């Protein structure tokens, strides 16, 4: 009898260990609607929701599977017809509401992640390598202890150099709505980390990536910015919050300098819900703390 109990216990432990999957809770804290998009990496399935509208103050919960990798971003200024066909001013994915395997048109702020399987850790980051359109914070809730939040809370659009600016096309979208990367703006190898610059020795931070890095110290600013921009964790949930400091118009903030991270190695039905609650309680405390930090720096 004892051996059977041990056998059953080992099965349960093994199943639990290998079936841990994170949940993404995407929240729109912006004072306007956004249209988040999701894209799975090679060899992993698309998430149950690949594109949808999220009104101000709404959240949606999306389940994942162990080992999932991909990215999540927000589109702005979108218009779609009843067939889900249209366009977005920033972050467009092929002119469709459902991105269905199509990535974001730069510039767009990106949350990128590879979930571990079993006891393996998750690797995650917030990237503005492809440019920036909205402030974005990712706050994991750890399975085994604390995890680092990361992101870009500064409004880079307010301080975007003129040569990188994307200007809204009408009154409603007037002003700077996104900030291009130097790679997209100029197409030069030294900015794109391509050609003879396709390695960390020759591709170094540029004046333009420095602007992004100073505003958002924890975010990827160029292709080989791993040391201060990639984080590891084993999390049960990732709170992904757009416009975490809605109403703040400062570029000199960002999160506190992180500990040096490790370098990256190498559908069930969606459980969707919307709510007027802006942020889950632990995340709202987190946002409050770094809001106070920003105002006192």
Protein backbone atom coordinates (compact mmCIF):
# COMPACT_ATOMS: atom_id res chain seq x y z
CA UNK A 1 0.00 0.00 0.00
CA UNK A 2 2.82 2.39 0.92
CA UNK A 3 4.55 1.78 -2.41
CA UNK A 4 1.32 2.55 -4.29
CA UNK A 5 0.91 5.79 -2.36
CA UNK A 6 4.49 6.76 -3.20
CA UNK A 7 3.93 5.87 -6.86
CA UNK A 8 0.74 7.98 -7.05
CA UNK A 9 2.45 10.88 -5.25
CA UNK A 10 5.32 10.85 -7.74
CA UNK A 11 2.86 10.89 -10.64
CA UNK A 12 0.98 13.84 -9.17
CA UNK A 13 4.21 15.75 -8.49
CA UNK A 14 5.54 15.00 -11.97
CA UNK A 15 2.28 16.07 -13.62
CA UNK A 16 2.11 19.28 -11.59
CA UNK A 17 5.73 20.17 -12.29
CA UNK A 18 5.42 19.68 -16.02
CA UNK A 19 2.01 21.31 -16.42
CA UNK A 20 2.74 24.71 -14.85
CA UNK A 21 1.67 27.31 -17.39
CA UNK A 22 1.51 31.05 -16.95
CA UNK A 23 -1.48 33.27 -17.50
CA UNK A 24 -1.23 36.65 -19.20
CA UNK A 25 -3.43 39.39 -17.74
CA UNK A 26 -3.43 42.29 -20.19
CA UNK A 27 -4.70 45.61 -18.85
CA UNK A 28 -5.41 48.87 -20.69
CA UNK A 29 -4.69 51.74 -18.32
CA UNK A 30 -4.58 54.24 -21.21
CA UNK A 31 -7.34 56.90 -21.45
CA UNK A 32 -8.30 55.51 -24.86
CA UNK A 33 -8.96 52.15 -26.51
CA UNK A 34 -6.11 49.94 -27.64
CA UNK A 35 -6.06 46.77 -29.75
CA UNK A 36 -3.51 44.30 -28.30
CA UNK A 37 -1.96 41.78 -30.64
CA UNK A 38 -0.15 38.51 -29.92
CA UNK A 39 2.30 36.51 -32.00
CA UNK A 40 3.67 33.04 -31.19
CA UNK A 41 7.27 32.14 -31.89
CA UNK A 42 8.29 29.30 -34.18
CA UNK A 43 7.20 25.89 -32.92
CA UNK A 44 4.62 27.13 -30.42
CA UNK A 45 0.86 27.54 -30.96
CA UNK A 46 -0.85 30.90 -31.33
CA UNK A 47 -2.60 32.09 -28.17
CA UNK A 48 -6.41 31.77 -28.02
CA UNK A 49 -6.67 35.52 -28.72
CA UNK A 50 -4.35 37.04 -31.36
CA UNK A 51 -6.06 40.43 -31.66
CA UNK A 52 -8.89 42.23 -29.89
CA UNK A 53 -10.13 45.62 -28.70
CA UNK A 54 -9.51 46.60 -25.09
CA UNK A 55 -11.27 49.73 -23.88
CA UNK A 56 -9.84 52.04 -21.24
CA UNK A 57 -9.85 50.31 -17.84
CA UNK A 58 -10.50 46.83 -19.24
CA UNK A 59 -8.46 43.66 -18.70
CA UNK A 60 -8.40 40.30 -20.44
CA UNK A 61 -7.00 37.01 -19.14
CA UNK A 62 -5.33 34.70 -21.67
CA UNK A 63 -4.07 31.20 -20.76
CA UNK A 64 -0.82 29.83 -22.15
CA UNK A 65 0.88 26.45 -22.41
CA UNK A 66 4.29 25.44 -20.98
CA UNK A 67 7.10 26.32 -23.36
CA UNK A 68 5.14 29.03 -25.16
CA UNK A 69 7.19 31.82 -26.70
CA UNK A 70 6.16 34.97 -28.48
CA UNK A 71 5.35 38.63 -28.10
CA UNK A 72 2.49 40.91 -27.10
CA UNK A 73 2.00 44.56 -28.08
CA UNK A 74 -0.72 47.20 -28.36
CA UNK A 75 -2.08 48.79 -31.51
CA UNK A 76 -3.48 52.32 -31.47
CA UNK A 77 -5.84 54.34 -33.65
CA UNK A 78 -7.48 51.27 -35.19
CA UNK A 79 -10.59 51.09 -37.37
CA UNK A 80 -12.07 47.73 -38.41
CA UNK A 81 -15.21 46.79 -40.31
CA UNK A 82 -17.59 44.01 -39.33
CA UNK A 83 -15.31 41.49 -41.07
CA UNK A 84 -12.36 42.52 -38.89
CA UNK A 85 -10.54 44.23 -41.75
CA UNK A 86 -9.09 47.71 -41.39
CA UNK A 87 -5.94 49.43 -40.21
CA UNK A 88 -4.14 50.84 -37.17
CA UNK A 89 -2.03 53.97 -36.86
CA UNK A 90 0.63 52.11 -34.84
CA UNK A 91 1.44 48.42 -34.36
CA UNK A 92 -0.72 47.24 -37.29
CA UNK A 93 -0.63 43.50 -38.13
CA UNK A 94 -1.62 43.15 -41.76
CA UNK A 95 -4.76 45.27 -41.49
CA UNK A 96 -6.71 42.67 -39.52
CA UNK A 97 -8.29 42.61 -36.07
CA UNK A 98 -7.00 39.06 -35.48
CA UNK A 99 -3.26 39.09 -36.14
CA UNK A 100 -3.22 35.31 -36.83
CA UNK A 101 0.55 34.89 -37.12
CA UNK A 102 1.39 38.39 -38.38
CA UNK A 103 3.68 40.55 -36.24
CA UNK A 104 3.54 44.24 -35.41
CA UNK A 105 4.48 46.86 -37.97
CA UNK A 106 7.18 49.01 -36.30
CA UNK A 107 7.35 51.13 -34.30
CA UNK A 108 5.75 49.27 -31.39
CA UNK A 109 6.66 48.55 -27.76
CA UNK A 110 6.91 44.76 -27.32
CA UNK A 111 6.63 42.31 -24.43
CA UNK A 112 8.66 39.21 -25.36
CA UNK A 113 8.76 35.94 -23.45
CA UNK A 114 9.80 32.30 -23.58
CA UNK A 115 8.10 30.21 -20.91
CA UNK A 116 10.06 27.40 -19.33
CA UNK A 117 8.83 23.83 -19.11
CA UNK A 118 8.91 21.85 -15.89
CA UNK A 119 11.25 23.62 -13.47
CA UNK A 120 12.96 25.63 -16.20
CA UNK A 121 12.75 29.39 -15.82
CA UNK A 122 10.95 31.86 -18.07
CA UNK A 123 12.99 34.42 -20.02
CA UNK A 124 11.24 37.74 -20.65
CA UNK A 125 11.87 41.35 -21.63
CA UNK A 126 10.26 44.54 -22.87
CA UNK A 127 11.79 45.64 -26.16
CA UNK A 128 11.87 49.01 -27.92
CA UNK A 129 14.42 47.76 -30.46
CA UNK A 130 11.66 48.06 -33.09
CA UNK A 131 10.67 51.49 -31.82
CA UNK A 132 8.09 52.67 -29.30
CA UNK A 133 4.40 53.53 -29.29
CA UNK A 134 3.10 53.13 -25.71
CA UNK A 135 4.41 52.80 -22.14
CA UNK A 136 4.39 49.16 -21.07
CA UNK A 137 5.15 47.27 -17.85
CA UNK A 138 5.33 43.50 -17.30
CA UNK A 139 4.99 42.38 -13.67
CA UNK A 140 5.35 38.61 -13.04
CA UNK A 141 4.00 36.86 -9.97
CA UNK A 142 6.54 34.25 -9.01
CA UNK A 143 5.87 30.59 -8.34
CA UNK A 144 9.13 30.35 -6.37
CA UNK A 145 9.74 33.71 -4.67
CA UNK A 146 10.08 37.22 -6.05
CA UNK A 147 10.44 38.17 -9.71
CA UNK A 148 11.61 41.42 -11.30
CA UNK A 149 9.12 43.68 -13.02
CA UNK A 150 10.37 45.30 -16.20
CA UNK A 151 9.18 47.70 -18.85
CA UNK A 152 9.17 51.24 -20.12
CA UNK A 153 6.99 53.67 -18.18
CA UNK A 154 8.33 56.86 -19.77
CA UNK A 155 6.51 58.67 -22.57
CA UNK A 156 9.27 58.56 -25.18
CA UNK A 157 6.96 60.16 -27.75
CA UNK A 158 7.28 63.45 -25.83
CA UNK A 159 11.05 63.54 -26.33
CA UNK A 160 11.36 61.67 -29.64
CA UNK A 161 13.90 63.26 -32.03
CA UNK A 162 12.19 64.83 -35.02
CA UNK A 163 13.83 62.43 -37.48
CA UNK A 164 12.29 59.45 -35.63
CA UNK A 165 8.81 60.84 -35.05
CA UNK A 166 5.60 59.28 -36.38
CA UNK A 167 2.91 61.96 -36.58
CA UNK A 168 -0.82 61.23 -36.29
CA UNK A 169 -2.75 61.66 -39.50
CA UNK A 170 -5.77 63.57 -38.20
CA UNK A 171 -6.98 65.76 -35.35
CA UNK A 172 -7.88 62.81 -33.11
CA UNK A 173 -4.42 61.29 -33.57
CA UNK A 174 -2.53 64.58 -33.80
CA UNK A 175 0.98 64.94 -32.47
CA UNK A 176 3.66 62.29 -32.10
CA UNK A 177 2.02 58.86 -31.83
CA UNK A 178 5.18 56.72 -32.03
CA UNK A 179 8.97 56.92 -32.13
CA UNK A 180 10.89 54.92 -34.76
CA UNK A 181 14.09 53.06 -34.13
CA UNK A 182 17.18 54.43 -35.86
CA UNK A 183 17.30 51.18 -37.87
CA UNK A 184 13.84 51.77 -39.31
CA UNK A 185 14.45 55.49 -39.85
CA UNK A 186 17.83 55.25 -41.58
CA UNK A 187 18.26 51.59 -42.58
CA UNK A 188 22.01 51.59 -41.82
CA UNK A 189 23.84 48.43 -40.72
CA UNK A 190 25.36 50.18 -37.71
CA UNK A 191 21.88 50.92 -36.36
CA UNK A 192 20.35 47.59 -37.44
CA UNK A 193 23.22 45.43 -36.10
CA UNK A 194 23.48 43.78 -39.52
CA UNK A 195 26.27 43.15 -42.03
CA UNK A 196 29.67 43.80 -40.44
CA UNK A 197 27.85 45.04 -37.32
CA UNK A 198 26.01 41.74 -36.71
CA UNK A 199 27.79 40.89 -33.46
CA UNK A 200 28.05 42.44 -29.98
CA UNK A 201 31.64 43.55 -30.53
CA UNK A 202 30.98 45.79 -33.53
CA UNK A 203 27.36 46.76 -32.85
CA UNK A 204 27.46 49.21 -29.99
CA UNK A 205 24.88 51.57 -28.44
CA UNK A 206 24.17 54.58 -30.63
CA UNK A 207 23.10 58.12 -29.84
CA UNK A 208 19.50 57.11 -30.65
CA UNK A 209 19.47 53.87 -28.66
CA UNK A 210 20.96 55.88 -25.81
CA UNK A 211 17.89 58.14 -25.79
CA UNK A 212 15.66 55.05 -25.43
CA UNK A 213 17.91 53.51 -22.77
CA UNK A 214 18.09 56.66 -20.66
CA UNK A 215 14.29 56.91 -20.71
CA UNK A 216 13.72 53.20 -20.04
CA UNK A 217 16.75 51.57 -18.35
CA UNK A 218 15.18 48.09 -18.15
CA UNK A 219 14.01 47.84 -21.76
CA UNK A 220 15.93 46.49 -24.74
CA UNK A 221 17.23 49.50 -26.68
CA UNK A 222 19.26 47.74 -29.38
CA UNK A 223 19.86 44.17 -30.53
CA UNK A 224 22.71 43.26 -28.12
CA UNK A 225 21.35 44.95 -25.01
CA UNK A 226 20.96 41.64 -23.13
CA UNK A 227 22.87 42.38 -19.94
CA UNK A 228 20.43 44.89 -18.42
CA UNK A 229 17.27 43.94 -20.28
CA UNK A 230 16.59 40.19 -20.08
CA UNK A 231 15.08 38.73 -16.91
CA UNK A 232 14.33 35.25 -15.61
CA UNK A 233 11.58 33.97 -13.36
CA UNK A 234 9.20 31.09 -12.81
CA UNK A 235 5.84 32.86 -12.75
CA UNK A 236 2.23 31.81 -12.54
CA UNK A 237 0.94 35.12 -13.95
CA UNK A 238 2.27 38.02 -15.98
CA UNK A 239 0.45 41.34 -15.57
CA UNK A 240 1.03 43.25 -18.80
CA UNK A 241 -0.06 46.84 -18.34
CA UNK A 242 -0.21 49.49 -21.04
CA UNK A 243 0.04 53.13 -19.87
CA UNK A 244 0.79 52.12 -16.24
CA UNK A 245 1.22 55.78 -15.28
CA UNK A 246 -1.56 57.24 -17.37
CA UNK A 247 -1.49 61.02 -17.25
CA UNK A 248 2.22 61.30 -16.49
CA UNK A 249 4.15 63.05 -19.24
CA UNK A 250 7.79 62.60 -18.24
CA UNK A 251 10.71 61.15 -20.17
CA UNK A 252 13.33 61.26 -17.42
CA UNK A 253 11.92 58.31 -15.49
CA UNK A 254 11.74 54.62 -16.20
CA UNK A 255 12.28 51.87 -13.69
CA UNK A 256 15.23 51.74 -11.34
CA UNK A 257 18.39 50.20 -12.72
CA UNK A 258 17.97 46.39 -12.73
CA UNK A 259 20.26 43.70 -11.57
CA UNK A 260 22.18 42.25 -14.47
CA UNK A 261 19.98 39.60 -16.06
CA UNK A 262 20.93 36.35 -17.67
CA UNK A 263 21.23 36.26 -21.45
CA UNK A 264 18.45 34.52 -23.33
CA UNK A 265 19.02 30.97 -24.46
CA UNK A 266 18.51 30.08 -27.40
CA UNK A 267 -5.55 26.43 -27.88
CA UNK A 268 -7.50 25.97 -25.28
CA UNK A 269 -10.43 28.39 -25.33
CA UNK A 270 -9.53 31.84 -24.04
CA UNK A 271 -10.74 32.74 -20.58
CA UNK A 272 -11.51 36.34 -21.48
CA UNK A 273 -12.98 38.90 -19.16
CA UNK A 274 -13.28 42.65 -19.02
CA UNK A 275 -13.48 44.78 -15.95
CA UNK A 276 -13.58 48.37 -14.80
CA UNK A 277 -10.83 47.56 -12.28
CA UNK A 278 -7.72 49.20 -13.69
CA UNK A 279 -5.08 47.06 -12.02
CA UNK A 280 -4.89 43.94 -9.84
CA UNK A 281 -4.07 44.97 -6.26
CA UNK A 282 -0.38 43.89 -6.11
CA UNK A 283 0.33 45.55 -9.45
CA UNK A 284 -1.36 48.81 -8.43
CA UNK A 285 0.96 48.96 -5.40
CA UNK A 286 3.93 48.35 -7.72
CA UNK A 287 2.83 51.14 -10.06
CA UNK A 288 2.28 53.51 -7.15
CA UNK A 289 5.81 52.89 -5.85
CA UNK A 290 7.60 53.59 -9.09
CA UNK A 291 5.25 56.55 -9.76
CA UNK A 292 6.52 58.09 -6.51
CA UNK A 293 10.06 57.25 -7.59
CA UNK A 294 9.59 59.09 -10.90
CA UNK A 295 8.22 62.23 -9.29
CA UNK A 296 11.16 62.40 -6.88
CA UNK A 297 13.94 61.95 -9.46
